[in-house]
Amino acid sequence: VLVQLSDDHDETAGMWFLEAGFGPVDDPDPPTFANLDVAQSWIERRL
């Protein structure tokens, strides 16, 4: 589950955050992604 960060997040506003990952996509330190293409590539590598 990815969420786009709001303006409340200052310099990361508009970026995407891994709200929840399941199985191999689970991460104890959830990453933030510049855009959905970067997030998709990261998820594909984890899978």
All heavy atoms as atom14 arrays in JSON, in Angstrom:
{
  "sequence": "VLVQLSDDHDETAGMWFLEAGFGPVDDPDPPTFANLDVAQSWIERRL",
  "atom14_mask": [
    [1, 1, 1, 1, 1, 1, 1, 0, 0, 0, 0, 0, 0, 0],
    [1, 1, 1, 1, 1, 1, 1, 1, 0, 0, 0, 0, 0, 0],
    [1, 1, 1, 1, 1, 1, 1, 0, 0, 0, 0, 0, 0, 0],
    [1, 1, 1, 1, 1, 1, 1, 1, 1, 0, 0, 0, 0, 0],
    [1, 1, 1, 1, 1, 1, 1, 1, 0, 0, 0, 0, 0, 0],
    [1, 1, 1, 1, 1, 1, 0, 0, 0, 0, 0, 0, 0, 0],
    [1, 1, 1, 1, 1, 1, 1, 1, 0, 0, 0, 0, 0, 0],
    [1, 1, 1, 1, 1, 1, 1, 1, 0, 0, 0, 0, 0, 0],
    [1, 1, 1, 1, 1, 1, 1, 1, 1, 1, 0, 0, 0, 0],
    [1, 1, 1, 1, 1, 1, 1, 1, 0, 0, 0, 0, 0, 0],
    [1, 1, 1, 1, 1, 1, 1, 1, 1, 0, 0, 0, 0, 0],
    [1, 1, 1, 1, 1, 1, 1, 0, 0, 0, 0, 0, 0, 0],
    [1, 1, 1, 1, 1, 0, 0, 0, 0, 0, 0, 0, 0, 0],
    [1, 1, 1, 1, 0, 0, 0, 0, 0, 0, 0, 0, 0, 0],
    [1, 1, 1, 1, 1, 1, 1, 1, 0, 0, 0, 0, 0, 0],
    [1, 1, 1, 1, 1, 1, 1, 1, 1, 1, 1, 1, 1, 1],
    [1, 1, 1, 1, 1, 1, 1, 1, 1, 1, 1, 0, 0, 0],
    [1, 1, 1, 1, 1, 1, 1, 1, 0, 0, 0, 0, 0, 0],
    [1, 1, 1, 1, 1, 1, 1, 1, 1, 0, 0, 0, 0, 0],
    [1, 1, 1, 1, 1, 0, 0, 0, 0, 0, 0, 0, 0, 0],
    [1, 1, 1, 1, 0, 0, 0, 0, 0, 0, 0, 0, 0, 0],
    [1, 1, 1, 1, 1, 1, 1, 1, 1, 1, 1, 0, 0, 0],
    [1, 1, 1, 1, 0, 0, 0, 0, 0, 0, 0, 0, 0, 0],
    [1, 1, 1, 1, 1, 1, 1, 0, 0, 0, 0, 0, 0, 0],
    [1, 1, 1, 1, 1, 1, 1, 0, 0, 0, 0, 0, 0, 0],
    [1, 1, 1, 1, 1, 1, 1, 1, 0, 0, 0, 0, 0, 0],
    [1, 1, 1, 1, 1, 1, 1, 1, 0, 0, 0, 0, 0, 0],
    [1, 1, 1, 1, 1, 1, 1, 0, 0, 0, 0, 0, 0, 0],
    [1, 1, 1, 1, 1, 1, 1, 1, 0, 0, 0, 0, 0, 0],
    [1, 1, 1, 1, 1, 1, 1, 0, 0, 0, 0, 0, 0, 0],
    [1, 1, 1, 1, 1, 1, 1, 0, 0, 0, 0, 0, 0, 0],
    [1, 1, 1, 1, 1, 1, 1, 0, 0, 0, 0, 0, 0, 0],
    [1, 1, 1, 1, 1, 1, 1, 1, 1, 1, 1, 0, 0, 0],
    [1, 1, 1, 1, 1, 0, 0, 0, 0, 0, 0, 0, 0, 0],
    [1, 1, 1, 1, 1, 1, 1, 1, 0, 0, 0, 0, 0, 0],
    [1, 1, 1, 1, 1, 1, 1, 1, 0, 0, 0, 0, 0, 0],
    [1, 1, 1, 1, 1, 1, 1, 1, 0, 0, 0, 0, 0, 0],
    [1, 1, 1, 1, 1, 1, 1, 0, 0, 0, 0, 0, 0, 0],
    [1, 1, 1, 1, 1, 0, 0, 0, 0, 0, 0, 0, 0, 0],
    [1, 1, 1, 1, 1, 1, 1, 1, 1, 0, 0, 0, 0, 0],
    [1, 1, 1, 1, 1, 1, 0, 0, 0, 0, 0, 0, 0, 0],
    [1, 1, 1, 1, 1, 1, 1, 1, 1, 1, 1, 1, 1, 1],
    [1, 1, 1, 1, 1, 1, 1, 1, 0, 0, 0, 0, 0, 0],
    [1, 1, 1, 1, 1, 1, 1, 1, 1, 0, 0, 0, 0, 0],
    [1, 1, 1, 1, 1, 1, 1, 1, 1, 1, 1, 0, 0, 0],
    [1, 1, 1, 1, 1, 1, 1, 1, 1, 1, 1, 0, 0, 0],
    [1, 1, 1, 1, 1, 1, 1, 1, 0, 0, 0, 0, 0, 0]
  ],
  "atom14_positions": [
    [[0.87, -1.16, 0.0], [0.0, 0.0, 0.0], [0.92, 1.22, 0.0], [1.77, 1.38, 0.89], [-0.92, 0.03, 1.24], [-1.75, 1.3, 1.27], [-1.8, -1.22, 1.28], [0.0, 0.0, 0.0], [0.0, 0.0, 0.0], [0.0, 0.0, 0.0], [0.0, 0.0, 0.0], [0.0, 0.0, 0.0], [0.0, 0.0, 0.0], [0.0, 0.0, 0.0]],
    [[0.78, 2.03, -1.01], [1.57, 3.25, -1.15], [0.66, 4.45, -0.91], [-0.51, 4.44, -1.3], [2.17, 3.36, -2.55], [3.13, 2.25, -2.97], [3.44, 2.36, -4.45], [4.4, 2.3, -2.15], [0.0, 0.0, 0.0], [0.0, 0.0, 0.0], [0.0, 0.0, 0.0], [0.0, 0.0, 0.0], [0.0, 0.0, 0.0], [0.0, 0.0, 0.0]],
    [[1.2, 5.48, -0.29], [0.46, 6.73, -0.1], [1.31, 7.89, -0.59], [2.53, 7.87, -0.46], [0.04, 6.96, 1.37], [-0.95, 5.91, 1.83], [1.23, 7.01, 2.28], [0.0, 0.0, 0.0], [0.0, 0.0, 0.0], [0.0, 0.0, 0.0], [0.0, 0.0, 0.0], [0.0, 0.0, 0.0], [0.0, 0.0, 0.0], [0.0, 0.0, 0.0]],
    [[0.64, 8.88, -1.17], [1.36, 10.09, -1.59], [1.36, 11.05, -0.42], [0.31, 11.33, 0.18], [0.71, 10.71, -2.81], [1.56, 11.81, -3.41], [1.04, 12.26, -4.76], [-0.15, 12.23, -5.02], [1.96, 12.7, -5.6], [0.0, 0.0, 0.0], [0.0, 0.0, 0.0], [0.0, 0.0, 0.0], [0.0, 0.0, 0.0], [0.0, 0.0, 0.0]],
    [[2.53, 11.55, -0.09], [2.7, 12.42, 1.07], [2.14, 13.82, 0.81], [2.34, 14.39, -0.26], [4.17, 12.49, 1.47], [4.78, 11.13, 1.87], [6.28, 11.28, 2.12], [4.09, 10.56, 3.1], [0.0, 0.0, 0.0], [0.0, 0.0, 0.0], [0.0, 0.0, 0.0], [0.0, 0.0, 0.0], [0.0, 0.0, 0.0], [0.0, 0.0, 0.0]],
    [[1.45, 14.35, 1.79], [0.81, 15.66, 1.69], [1.8, 16.79, 1.96], [2.97, 16.55, 2.32], [-0.34, 15.75, 2.7], [0.19, 15.81, 4.01], [0.0, 0.0, 0.0], [0.0, 0.0, 0.0], [0.0, 0.0, 0.0], [0.0, 0.0, 0.0], [0.0, 0.0, 0.0], [0.0, 0.0, 0.0], [0.0, 0.0, 0.0], [0.0, 0.0, 0.0]],
    [[1.32, 17.99, 1.84], [2.14, 19.18, 2.1], [2.62, 19.24, 3.55], [3.58, 19.95, 3.85], [1.36, 20.45, 1.76], [1.13, 20.6, 0.27], [1.89, 19.99, -0.52], [0.2, 21.34, -0.12], [0.0, 0.0, 0.0], [0.0, 0.0, 0.0], [0.0, 0.0, 0.0], [0.0, 0.0, 0.0], [0.0, 0.0, 0.0], [0.0, 0.0, 0.0]],
    [[1.99, 18.5, 4.44], [2.41, 18.44, 5.84], [3.81, 17.84, 5.99], [4.42, 17.95, 7.05], [1.44, 17.59, 6.68], [0.07, 18.24, 6.8], [-0.03, 19.47, 6.6], [-0.89, 17.51, 7.1], [0.0, 0.0, 0.0], [0.0, 0.0, 0.0], [0.0, 0.0, 0.0], [0.0, 0.0, 0.0], [0.0, 0.0, 0.0], [0.0, 0.0, 0.0]],
    [[4.32, 17.22, 4.93], [5.61, 16.54, 5.0], [6.76, 17.35, 4.4], [7.82, 16.8, 4.09], [5.5, 15.16, 4.33], [4.57, 14.24, 5.06], [4.98, 13.48, 6.11], [3.26, 14.01, 4.91], [3.95, 12.79, 6.57], [2.88, 13.1, 5.86], [0.0, 0.0, 0.0], [0.0, 0.0, 0.0], [0.0, 0.0, 0.0], [0.0, 0.0, 0.0]],
    [[6.54, 18.64, 4.27], [7.57, 19.59, 3.83], [8.32, 19.12, 2.59], [7.73, 19.0, 1.54], [8.53, 19.91, 4.98], [7.82, 20.56, 6.16], [6.93, 21.4, 5.91], [8.13, 20.2, 7.31], [0.0, 0.0, 0.0], [0.0, 0.0, 0.0], [0.0, 0.0, 0.0], [0.0, 0.0, 0.0], [0.0, 0.0, 0.0], [0.0, 0.0, 0.0]],
    [[9.61, 18.82, 2.72], [10.46, 18.52, 1.56], [10.11, 17.22, 0.86], [10.51, 17.0, -0.28], [11.95, 18.55, 1.92], [12.41, 17.41, 2.81], [12.18, 17.64, 4.29], [11.8, 18.75, 4.71], [12.37, 16.68, 5.04], [0.0, 0.0, 0.0], [0.0, 0.0, 0.0], [0.0, 0.0, 0.0], [0.0, 0.0, 0.0], [0.0, 0.0, 0.0]],
    [[9.38, 16.33, 1.53], [8.99, 15.08, 0.88], [7.55, 15.11, 0.35], [7.06, 14.1, -0.16], [9.17, 13.88, 1.84], [8.38, 14.1, 3.01], [10.63, 13.67, 2.2], [0.0, 0.0, 0.0], [0.0, 0.0, 0.0], [0.0, 0.0, 0.0], [0.0, 0.0, 0.0], [0.0, 0.0, 0.0], [0.0, 0.0, 0.0], [0.0, 0.0, 0.0]],
    [[6.89, 16.26, 0.44], [5.52, 16.39, -0.08], [5.48, 15.98, -1.54], [6.36, 16.34, -2.32], [5.03, 17.82, 0.1], [0.0, 0.0, 0.0], [0.0, 0.0, 0.0], [0.0, 0.0, 0.0], [0.0, 0.0, 0.0], [0.0, 0.0, 0.0], [0.0, 0.0, 0.0], [0.0, 0.0, 0.0], [0.0, 0.0, 0.0], [0.0, 0.0, 0.0]],
    [[4.48, 15.21, -1.89], [4.32, 14.75, -3.27], [5.01, 13.43, -3.55], [4.74, 12.79, -4.57], [0.0, 0.0, 0.0], [0.0, 0.0, 0.0], [0.0, 0.0, 0.0], [0.0, 0.0, 0.0], [0.0, 0.0, 0.0], [0.0, 0.0, 0.0], [0.0, 0.0, 0.0], [0.0, 0.0, 0.0], [0.0, 0.0, 0.0], [0.0, 0.0, 0.0]],
    [[5.91, 13.02, -2.68], [6.6, 11.74, -2.85], [5.68, 10.62, -2.39], [4.61, 10.86, -1.81], [7.92, 11.73, -2.09], [8.91, 12.77, -2.59], [10.44, 12.82, -1.65], [11.28, 11.41, -2.34], [0.0, 0.0, 0.0], [0.0, 0.0, 0.0], [0.0, 0.0, 0.0], [0.0, 0.0, 0.0], [0.0, 0.0, 0.0], [0.0, 0.0, 0.0]],
    [[6.07, 9.39, -2.64], [5.28, 8.21, -2.28], [5.97, 7.45, -1.16], [7.19, 7.32, -1.15], [5.09, 7.33, -3.5], [4.21, 7.99, -4.51], [4.59, 8.89, -5.48], [2.8, 7.88, -4.62], [3.51, 9.33, -6.18], [2.38, 8.71, -5.68], [1.84, 7.15, -3.93], [1.06, 8.83, -6.06], [0.52, 7.26, -4.33], [0.14, 8.09, -5.38]],
    [[5.18, 6.92, -0.24], [5.67, 6.24, 0.95], [5.06, 4.84, 1.02], [3.88, 4.66, 0.73], [5.27, 7.05, 2.2], [5.62, 6.4, 3.5], [6.93, 6.35, 3.93], [4.63, 5.84, 4.3], [7.25, 5.75, 5.14], [4.94, 5.25, 5.51], [6.26, 5.21, 5.93], [0.0, 0.0, 0.0], [0.0, 0.0, 0.0], [0.0, 0.0, 0.0]],
    [[5.88, 3.87, 1.4], [5.39, 2.51, 1.59], [4.68, 2.44, 2.94], [5.32, 2.31, 3.98], [6.55, 1.5, 1.55], [6.17, 0.04, 1.77], [5.33, -0.48, 0.61], [7.42, -0.8, 1.96], [0.0, 0.0, 0.0], [0.0, 0.0, 0.0], [0.0, 0.0, 0.0], [0.0, 0.0, 0.0], [0.0, 0.0, 0.0], [0.0, 0.0, 0.0]],
    [[3.37, 2.59, 2.92], [2.57, 2.54, 4.14], [2.54, 1.14, 4.73], [2.61, 0.96, 5.94], [1.14, 3.02, 3.83], [0.25, 3.1, 5.04], [0.58, 4.24, 5.97], [1.13, 5.27, 5.53], [0.27, 4.1, 7.17], [0.0, 0.0, 0.0], [0.0, 0.0, 0.0], [0.0, 0.0, 0.0], [0.0, 0.0, 0.0], [0.0, 0.0, 0.0]],
    [[2.45, 0.15, 3.85], [2.45, -1.25, 4.29], [2.98, -2.12, 3.17], [2.66, -1.91, 2.0], [1.04, -1.69, 4.66], [0.0, 0.0, 0.0], [0.0, 0.0, 0.0], [0.0, 0.0, 0.0], [0.0, 0.0, 0.0], [0.0, 0.0, 0.0], [0.0, 0.0, 0.0], [0.0, 0.0, 0.0], [0.0, 0.0, 0.0], [0.0, 0.0, 0.0]],
    [[3.82, -3.06, 3.53], [4.33, -4.04, 2.58], [4.06, -5.42, 3.14], [4.1, -5.63, 4.36], [0.0, 0.0, 0.0], [0.0, 0.0, 0.0], [0.0, 0.0, 0.0], [0.0, 0.0, 0.0], [0.0, 0.0, 0.0], [0.0, 0.0, 0.0], [0.0, 0.0, 0.0], [0.0, 0.0, 0.0], [0.0, 0.0, 0.0], [0.0, 0.0, 0.0]],
    [[3.78, -6.37, 2.28], [3.45, -7.72, 2.71], [4.41, -8.72, 2.07], [4.82, -8.54, 0.93], [2.0, -8.04, 2.35], [1.04, -7.01, 2.88], [0.56, -6.01, 2.06], [0.65, -7.02, 4.2], [-0.32, -5.05, 2.54], [-0.22, -6.06, 4.71], [-0.7, -5.07, 3.86], [0.0, 0.0, 0.0], [0.0, 0.0, 0.0], [0.0, 0.0, 0.0]],
    [[4.76, -9.75, 2.82], [5.69, -10.75, 2.31], [7.03, -10.11, 2.05], [7.55, -9.35, 2.88], [0.0, 0.0, 0.0], [0.0, 0.0, 0.0], [0.0, 0.0, 0.0], [0.0, 0.0, 0.0], [0.0, 0.0, 0.0], [0.0, 0.0, 0.0], [0.0, 0.0, 0.0], [0.0, 0.0, 0.0], [0.0, 0.0, 0.0], [0.0, 0.0, 0.0]],
    [[7.61, -10.37, 0.87], [8.95, -9.83, 0.56], [9.0, -8.31, 0.44], [10.07, -7.72, 0.43], [9.33, -10.5, -0.76], [8.08, -11.08, -1.31], [7.1, -11.23, -0.19], [0.0, 0.0, 0.0], [0.0, 0.0, 0.0], [0.0, 0.0, 0.0], [0.0, 0.0, 0.0], [0.0, 0.0, 0.0], [0.0, 0.0, 0.0], [0.0, 0.0, 0.0]],
    [[7.85, -7.67, 0.37], [7.82, -6.21, 0.25], [7.78, -5.54, 1.63], [8.0, -4.34, 1.76], [6.62, -5.76, -0.63], [6.59, -4.27, -0.83], [6.68, -6.46, -2.0], [0.0, 0.0, 0.0], [0.0, 0.0, 0.0], [0.0, 0.0, 0.0], [0.0, 0.0, 0.0], [0.0, 0.0, 0.0], [0.0, 0.0, 0.0], [0.0, 0.0, 0.0]],
    [[7.58, -6.32, 2.68], [7.62, -5.79, 4.04], [9.01, -5.24, 4.32], [10.01, -5.82, 3.9], [7.27, -6.88, 5.05], [7.14, -6.36, 6.46], [6.89, -5.16, 6.64], [7.29, -7.17, 7.39], [0.0, 0.0, 0.0], [0.0, 0.0, 0.0], [0.0, 0.0, 0.0], [0.0, 0.0, 0.0], [0.0, 0.0, 0.0], [0.0, 0.0, 0.0]],
    [[9.09, -4.11, 4.99], [10.38, -3.48, 5.29], [10.28, -2.8, 6.65], [9.38, -2.0, 6.87], [10.72, -2.46, 4.21], [12.16, -2.02, 4.25], [12.62, -1.59, 5.33], [12.84, -2.11, 3.22], [0.0, 0.0, 0.0], [0.0, 0.0, 0.0], [0.0, 0.0, 0.0], [0.0, 0.0, 0.0], [0.0, 0.0, 0.0], [0.0, 0.0, 0.0]],
    [[11.21, -3.11, 7.57], [11.16, -2.48, 8.9], [11.42, -0.97, 8.86], [11.07, -0.25, 9.79], [12.24, -3.21, 9.68], [13.15, -3.78, 8.65], [12.31, -4.04, 7.44], [0.0, 0.0, 0.0], [0.0, 0.0, 0.0], [0.0, 0.0, 0.0], [0.0, 0.0, 0.0], [0.0, 0.0, 0.0], [0.0, 0.0, 0.0], [0.0, 0.0, 0.0]],
    [[12.04, -0.5, 7.79], [12.32, 0.93, 7.61], [11.71, 1.33, 6.26], [12.43, 1.45, 5.27], [13.83, 1.17, 7.63], [14.17, 2.65, 7.6], [13.34, 3.47, 8.0], [15.29, 2.97, 7.16], [0.0, 0.0, 0.0], [0.0, 0.0, 0.0], [0.0, 0.0, 0.0], [0.0, 0.0, 0.0], [0.0, 0.0, 0.0], [0.0, 0.0, 0.0]],
    [[10.39, 1.55, 6.22], [9.71, 1.78, 4.94], [10.29, 2.95, 4.17], [10.52, 4.02, 4.73], [8.27, 2.08, 5.35], [8.13, 1.55, 6.73], [9.48, 1.64, 7.35], [0.0, 0.0, 0.0], [0.0, 0.0, 0.0], [0.0, 0.0, 0.0], [0.0, 0.0, 0.0], [0.0, 0.0, 0.0], [0.0, 0.0, 0.0], [0.0, 0.0, 0.0]],
    [[10.56, 2.73, 2.88], [11.17, 3.78, 2.06], [10.16, 4.8, 1.54], [8.95, 4.58, 1.53], [11.77, 3.0, 0.9], [10.9, 1.79, 0.79], [10.46, 1.46, 2.17], [0.0, 0.0, 0.0], [0.0, 0.0, 0.0], [0.0, 0.0, 0.0], [0.0, 0.0, 0.0], [0.0, 0.0, 0.0], [0.0, 0.0, 0.0], [0.0, 0.0, 0.0]],
    [[10.7, 5.92, 1.1], [9.96, 6.96, 0.4], [10.51, 6.99, -1.02], [11.72, 6.85, -1.23], [10.17, 8.32, 1.08], [9.7, 8.21, 2.43], [9.41, 9.42, 0.39], [0.0, 0.0, 0.0], [0.0, 0.0, 0.0], [0.0, 0.0, 0.0], [0.0, 0.0, 0.0], [0.0, 0.0, 0.0], [0.0, 0.0, 0.0], [0.0, 0.0, 0.0]],
    [[9.63, 7.17, -1.99], [10.01, 7.12, -3.41], [9.71, 8.45, -4.09], [8.67, 9.06, -3.83], [9.24, 6.01, -4.12], [9.35, 4.66, -3.46], [8.34, 4.2, -2.64], [10.47, 3.89, -3.63], [8.41, 2.97, -2.02], [10.57, 2.65, -3.01], [9.54, 2.18, -2.2], [0.0, 0.0, 0.0], [0.0, 0.0, 0.0], [0.0, 0.0, 0.0]],
    [[10.58, 8.86, -5.0], [10.4, 10.12, -5.72], [9.15, 10.1, -6.59], [8.48, 11.12, -6.75], [11.62, 10.42, -6.58], [0.0, 0.0, 0.0], [0.0, 0.0, 0.0], [0.0, 0.0, 0.0], [0.0, 0.0, 0.0], [0.0, 0.0, 0.0], [0.0, 0.0, 0.0], [0.0, 0.0, 0.0], [0.0, 0.0, 0.0], [0.0, 0.0, 0.0]],
    [[8.83, 8.93, -7.16], [7.64, 8.81, -8.01], [7.22, 7.34, -8.07], [7.89, 6.47, -7.52], [7.92, 9.39, -9.41], [9.09, 8.71, -10.09], [9.14, 7.5, -10.23], [10.06, 9.51, -10.53], [0.0, 0.0, 0.0], [0.0, 0.0, 0.0], [0.0, 0.0, 0.0], [0.0, 0.0, 0.0], [0.0, 0.0, 0.0], [0.0, 0.0, 0.0]],
    [[6.11, 7.09, -8.73], [5.58, 5.73, -8.78], [6.45, 4.78, -9.6], [6.49, 3.58, -9.31], [4.15, 5.73, -9.32], [3.1, 6.28, -8.36], [1.74, 6.33, -9.04], [3.03, 5.45, -7.08], [0.0, 0.0, 0.0], [0.0, 0.0, 0.0], [0.0, 0.0, 0.0], [0.0, 0.0, 0.0], [0.0, 0.0, 0.0], [0.0, 0.0, 0.0]],
    [[7.16, 5.29, -10.6], [8.06, 4.42, -11.37], [9.17, 3.87, -10.49], [9.52, 2.69, -10.58], [8.67, 5.18, -12.55], [7.66, 5.47, -13.64], [6.64, 4.74, -13.74], [7.88, 6.44, -14.4], [0.0, 0.0, 0.0], [0.0, 0.0, 0.0], [0.0, 0.0, 0.0], [0.0, 0.0, 0.0], [0.0, 0.0, 0.0], [0.0, 0.0, 0.0]],
    [[9.73, 4.71, -9.62], [10.78, 4.27, -8.7], [10.21, 3.26, -7.71], [10.83, 2.23, -7.42], [11.4, 5.48, -7.96], [12.4, 5.03, -6.92], [12.06, 6.43, -8.96], [0.0, 0.0, 0.0], [0.0, 0.0, 0.0], [0.0, 0.0, 0.0], [0.0, 0.0, 0.0], [0.0, 0.0, 0.0], [0.0, 0.0, 0.0], [0.0, 0.0, 0.0]],
    [[9.01, 3.53, -7.21], [8.36, 2.59, -6.29], [8.12, 1.25, -6.96], [8.38, 0.19, -6.37], [7.05, 3.19, -5.78], [0.0, 0.0, 0.0], [0.0, 0.0, 0.0], [0.0, 0.0, 0.0], [0.0, 0.0, 0.0], [0.0, 0.0, 0.0], [0.0, 0.0, 0.0], [0.0, 0.0, 0.0], [0.0, 0.0, 0.0], [0.0, 0.0, 0.0]],
    [[7.63, 1.27, -8.18], [7.36, 0.04, -8.91], [8.63, -0.77, -9.11], [8.63, -1.99, -8.9], [6.72, 0.34, -10.27], [6.42, -0.91, -11.07], [5.75, -0.6, -12.4], [5.26, 0.5, -12.62], [5.74, -1.57, -13.28], [0.0, 0.0, 0.0], [0.0, 0.0, 0.0], [0.0, 0.0, 0.0], [0.0, 0.0, 0.0], [0.0, 0.0, 0.0]],
    [[9.71, -0.13, -9.48], [10.98, -0.84, -9.67], [11.45, -1.48, -8.37], [11.91, -2.62, -8.35], [12.05, 0.12, -10.19], [11.73, 0.54, -11.48], [0.0, 0.0, 0.0], [0.0, 0.0, 0.0], [0.0, 0.0, 0.0], [0.0, 0.0, 0.0], [0.0, 0.0, 0.0], [0.0, 0.0, 0.0], [0.0, 0.0, 0.0], [0.0, 0.0, 0.0]],
    [[11.33, -0.75, -7.26], [11.74, -1.27, -5.96], [10.91, -2.49, -5.58], [11.43, -3.51, -5.14], [11.63, -0.17, -4.9], [12.09, -0.57, -3.54], [13.37, -0.5, -3.06], [11.29, -1.08, -2.47], [13.39, -0.95, -1.77], [12.13, -1.32, -1.38], [9.93, -1.37, -2.34], [11.66, -1.82, -0.17], [9.47, -1.87, -1.15], [10.33, -2.09, -0.07]],
    [[9.6, -2.39, -5.78], [8.7, -3.5, -5.45], [9.01, -4.71, -6.32], [9.08, -5.84, -5.84], [7.23, -3.07, -5.57], [6.9, -2.06, -4.47], [6.3, -4.27, -5.52], [5.57, -1.34, -4.65], [0.0, 0.0, 0.0], [0.0, 0.0, 0.0], [0.0, 0.0, 0.0], [0.0, 0.0, 0.0], [0.0, 0.0, 0.0], [0.0, 0.0, 0.0]],
    [[9.22, -4.49, -7.61], [9.55, -5.6, -8.51], [10.83, -6.3, -8.09], [10.92, -7.53, -8.12], [9.67, -5.1, -9.95], [8.34, -4.74, -10.55], [8.43, -4.14, -11.94], [9.55, -3.74, -12.36], [7.39, -4.03, -12.6], [0.0, 0.0, 0.0], [0.0, 0.0, 0.0], [0.0, 0.0, 0.0], [0.0, 0.0, 0.0], [0.0, 0.0, 0.0]],
    [[11.85, -5.54, -7.66], [13.09, -6.15, -7.2], [12.83, -6.98, -5.94], [13.36, -8.08, -5.8], [14.15, -5.08, -6.92], [14.78, -4.52, -8.18], [16.04, -3.7, -7.88], [15.81, -2.64, -6.9], [15.33, -1.43, -7.19], [15.02, -1.12, -8.43], [15.18, -0.53, -6.24], [0.0, 0.0, 0.0], [0.0, 0.0, 0.0], [0.0, 0.0, 0.0]],
    [[12.03, -6.46, -5.02], [11.74, -7.19, -3.77], [10.99, -8.48, -4.06], [11.15, -9.47, -3.35], [10.91, -6.31, -2.82], [11.62, -5.08, -2.29], [12.8, -5.41, -1.39], [12.43, -5.96, -0.12], [12.53, -5.36, 1.05], [13.02, -4.13, 1.11], [12.2, -5.96, 2.15], [0.0, 0.0, 0.0], [0.0, 0.0, 0.0], [0.0, 0.0, 0.0]],
    [[10.16, -8.47, -5.1], [9.39, -9.65, -5.47], [10.19, -10.62, -6.34], [9.73, -11.71, -6.64], [8.11, -9.24, -6.2], [7.08, -8.5, -5.36], [5.95, -7.98, -6.26], [6.54, -9.39, -4.25], [0.0, 0.0, 0.0], [0.0, 0.0, 0.0], [0.0, 0.0, 0.0], [0.0, 0.0, 0.0], [0.0, 0.0, 0.0], [0.0, 0.0, 0.0]]
  ]
}
